[in-house]
C-alpha atoms as a PDB file:
ATOM      1  CA  UNK A   1       5.989  -5.033  12.914  1.00  0.00           C
ATOM      2  CA  UNK A   2       3.357  -3.918  10.422  1.00  0.00           C
ATOM      3  CA  UNK A   3       3.768  -3.225   6.766  1.00  0.00           C
ATOM      4  CA  UNK A   4       3.323   0.180   5.163  1.00  0.00           C
ATOM      5  CA  UNK A   5       2.509   1.557   1.740  1.00  0.00           C
ATOM      6  CA  UNK A   6       5.008   4.123   0.483  1.00  0.00           C
ATOM      7  CA  UNK A   7       4.801   6.902  -2.084  1.00  0.00           C
ATOM      8  CA  UNK A   8       5.355   4.431  -4.943  1.00  0.00           C
ATOM      9  CA  UNK A   9       1.598   3.801  -4.736  1.00  0.00           C
ATOM     10  CA  UNK A  10       0.806   7.453  -5.459  1.00  0.00           C
ATOM     11  CA  UNK A  11      -0.711   7.789  -8.904  1.00  0.00           C
ATOM     12  CA  UNK A  12      -1.011   4.028  -9.396  1.00  0.00           C
ATOM     13  CA  UNK A  13      -3.392   2.569  -6.864  1.00  0.00           C
ATOM     14  CA  UNK A  14      -2.936  -0.955  -8.092  1.00  0.00           C
ATOM     15  CA  UNK A  15      -5.079  -3.034  -5.769  1.00  0.00           C
ATOM     16  CA  UNK A  16      -3.632  -6.477  -6.458  1.00  0.00           C
ATOM     17  CA  UNK A  17      -2.319  -6.444  -2.885  1.00  0.00           C
ATOM     18  CA  UNK A  18      -5.734  -6.295  -1.246  1.00  0.00           C
ATOM     19  CA  UNK A  19      -6.743  -9.647  -2.730  1.00  0.00           C
ATOM     20  CA  UNK A  20      -3.866 -11.303  -0.849  1.00  0.00           C
ATOM     21  CA  UNK A  21      -4.618  -9.726   2.528  1.00  0.00           C
ATOM     22  CA  UNK A  22      -6.366 -12.116   4.929  1.00  0.00           C
ATOM     23  CA  UNK A  23      -7.438  -9.380   7.369  1.00  0.00           C
ATOM     24  CA  UNK A  24      -8.597  -6.478   5.174  1.00  0.00           C
ATOM     25  CA  UNK A  25      -6.082  -3.956   6.483  1.00  0.00           C
ATOM     26  CA  UNK A  26      -5.920  -1.804   3.322  1.00  0.00           C
ATOM     27  CA  UNK A  27      -7.601   1.590   3.174  1.00  0.00           C
ATOM     28  CA  UNK A  28      -7.671   3.938   0.216  1.00  0.00           C
ATOM     29  CA  UNK A  29      -8.394   7.343  -1.161  1.00  0.00           C
ATOM     30  CA  UNK A  30      -8.584   8.543  -4.761  1.00  0.00           C
ATOM     31  CA  UNK A  31      -4.807   8.414  -5.245  1.00  0.00           C
ATOM     32  CA  UNK A  32      -3.335   5.531  -3.239  1.00  0.00           C
ATOM     33  CA  UNK A  33      -3.628   2.848  -0.557  1.00  0.00           C
ATOM     34  CA  UNK A  34      -2.579   2.723   3.102  1.00  0.00           C
ATOM     35  CA  UNK A  35      -2.201  -0.129   5.606  1.00  0.00           C
ATOM     36  CA  UNK A  36      -3.756  -0.036   9.048  1.00  0.00           C
ATOM     37  CA  UNK A  37      -0.942  -1.096  11.411  1.00  0.00           C
ATOM     38  CA  UNK A  38      -3.467  -2.115  14.070  1.00  0.00           C
ATOM     39  CA  UNK A  39      -5.026  -4.686  11.737  1.00  0.00           C
ATOM     40  CA  UNK A  40      -1.994  -5.874   9.707  1.00  0.00           C
ATOM     41  CA  UNK A  41      -0.815  -9.307  10.871  1.00  0.00           C
ATOM     42  CA  UNK A  42       2.575  -9.080   9.136  1.00  0.00           C
ATOM     43  CA  UNK A  43       1.936 -12.012   6.822  1.00  0.00           C
ATOM     44  CA  UNK A  44       3.801 -10.315   3.924  1.00  0.00           C
ATOM     45  CA  UNK A  45       1.400 -11.764   1.343  1.00  0.00           C
ATOM     46  CA  UNK A  46       0.821  -8.297  -0.118  1.00  0.00           C
ATOM     47  CA  UNK A  47       4.471  -7.461  -0.796  1.00  0.00           C
ATOM     48  CA  UNK A  48       5.042  -9.592  -3.926  1.00  0.00           C
ATOM     49  CA  UNK A  49       1.576  -8.677  -5.235  1.00  0.00           C
ATOM     50  CA  UNK A  50       2.443  -4.979  -5.603  1.00  0.00           C
ATOM     51  CA  UNK A  51       3.672  -4.256  -9.142  1.00  0.00           C
ATOM     52  CA  UNK A  52       5.469  -1.059  -8.070  1.00  0.00           C
ATOM     53  CA  UNK A  53       7.132  -2.297  -4.869  1.00  0.00           C
ATOM     54  CA  UNK A  54       5.211   0.184  -2.745  1.00  0.00           C
ATOM     55  CA  UNK A  55       4.760  -2.095   0.278  1.00  0.00           C
ATOM     56  CA  UNK A  56       7.483  -2.614   2.880  1.00  0.00           C
ATOM     57  CA  UNK A  57       7.846  -4.385   6.182  1.00  0.00           C
ATOM     58  CA  UNK A  58       8.675  -1.700   8.744  1.00  0.00           C
ATOM     59  CA  UNK A  59      11.628  -3.748  10.011  1.00  0.00           C
ATOM     60  CA  UNK A  60      13.334  -3.997   6.616  1.00  0.00           C
ATOM     61  CA  UNK A  61      12.446  -0.697   4.996  1.00  0.00           C
ATOM     62  CA  UNK A  62      14.920   2.058   4.146  1.00  0.00           C
ATOM     63  CA  UNK A  63      15.018   5.016   6.562  1.00  0.00           C
ATOM     64  CA  UNK A  64      13.631   7.315   3.865  1.00  0.00           C
ATOM     65  CA  UNK A  65      10.267   5.584   4.277  1.00  0.00           C
ATOM     66  CA  UNK A  66       9.971   6.148   8.045  1.00  0.00           C
ATOM     67  CA  UNK A  67       7.494   9.040   7.670  1.00  0.00           C
ATOM     68  CA  UNK A  68       5.110   6.626   5.940  1.00  0.00           C
ATOM     69  CA  UNK A  69       4.632   4.655   9.161  1.00  0.00           C
ATOM     70  CA  UNK A  70       2.740   7.533  10.743  1.00  0.00           C
ATOM     71  CA  UNK A  71       1.005   8.528   7.501  1.00  0.00           C
ATOM     72  CA  UNK A  72      -0.377   4.998   7.025  1.00  0.00           C
ATOM     73  CA  UNK A  73      -1.584   4.861  10.633  1.00  0.00           C
ATOM     74  CA  UNK A  74      -3.320   8.243  10.395  1.00  0.00           C
ATOM     75  CA  UNK A  75      -4.926   7.742   6.990  1.00  0.00           C
ATOM     76  CA  UNK A  76      -6.143   4.212   7.740  1.00  0.00           C
ATOM     77  CA  UNK A  77      -8.232   5.590  10.600  1.00  0.00           C
ATOM     78  CA  UNK A  78     -10.207   7.969   8.377  1.00  0.00           C
ATOM     79  CA  UNK A  79     -10.429   6.187   5.013  1.00  0.00           C
ATOM     80  CA  UNK A  80     -12.640   3.285   3.914  1.00  0.00           C
ATOM     81  CA  UNK A  81     -11.398  -0.298   3.766  1.00  0.00           C
ATOM     82  CA  UNK A  82     -10.532  -1.555   0.288  1.00  0.00           C
ATOM     83  CA  UNK A  83     -11.428  -5.264   0.137  1.00  0.00           C
ATOM     84  CA  UNK A  84     -11.538  -6.064  -3.564  1.00  0.00           C
ATOM     85  CA  UNK A  85      -9.402  -5.478  -6.629  1.00  0.00           C
ATOM     86  CA  UNK A  86     -10.324  -2.284  -8.411  1.00  0.00           C
ATOM     87  CA  UNK A  87      -9.182  -0.731 -11.650  1.00  0.00           C
ATOM     88  CA  UNK A  88      -5.873   1.090 -11.256  1.00  0.00           C
ATOM     89  CA  UNK A  89      -5.764   4.818 -11.837  1.00  0.00           C
ATOM     90  CA  UNK A  90      -5.520   6.034 -15.443  1.00  0.00           C
ATOM     91  CA  UNK A  91      -2.008   7.278 -14.602  1.00  0.00           C
ATOM     92  CA  UNK A  92      -0.859   3.875 -13.287  1.00  0.00           C
ATOM     93  CA  UNK A  93       1.085   2.655 -16.307  1.00  0.00           C
ATOM     94  CA  UNK A  94       2.909   5.959 -16.716  1.00  0.00           C
ATOM     95  CA  UNK A  95       3.713   5.945 -13.005  1.00  0.00           C
ATOM     96  CA  UNK A  96       4.967   2.351 -13.158  1.00  0.00           C
ATOM     97  CA  UNK A  97       7.232   3.278 -16.075  1.00  0.00           C
ATOM     98  CA  UNK A  98       8.467   6.369 -14.196  1.00  0.00           C
ATOM     99  CA  UNK A  99       9.382   4.151 -11.245  1.00  0.00           C
ATOM    100  CA  UNK A 100      11.207   1.716 -13.532  1.00  0.00           C
ATOM    101  CA  UNK A 101       8.947  -1.325 -13.159  1.00  0.00           C
END
């Protein structure tokens, strides 16, 4: 089962995770990242790299994140691949604090 990026990424867009991905399955817009489920190989290397725990394995994720499976699949098809670490959003530290990390 693929991994997905949840709403914890919104307003952060930390890209530490993309540097651990061996298949370049991350896509992004101006606010967050998404994972392409067709490309993700379920290696889980990205999960510990996310400082706001936004990435989940579909098998182990809470039911509240189920809508993100479809959102990731849809957005990944229309957004560019993010291959390298980029600066987080200016709101990232405030968002991380809001999330309790």
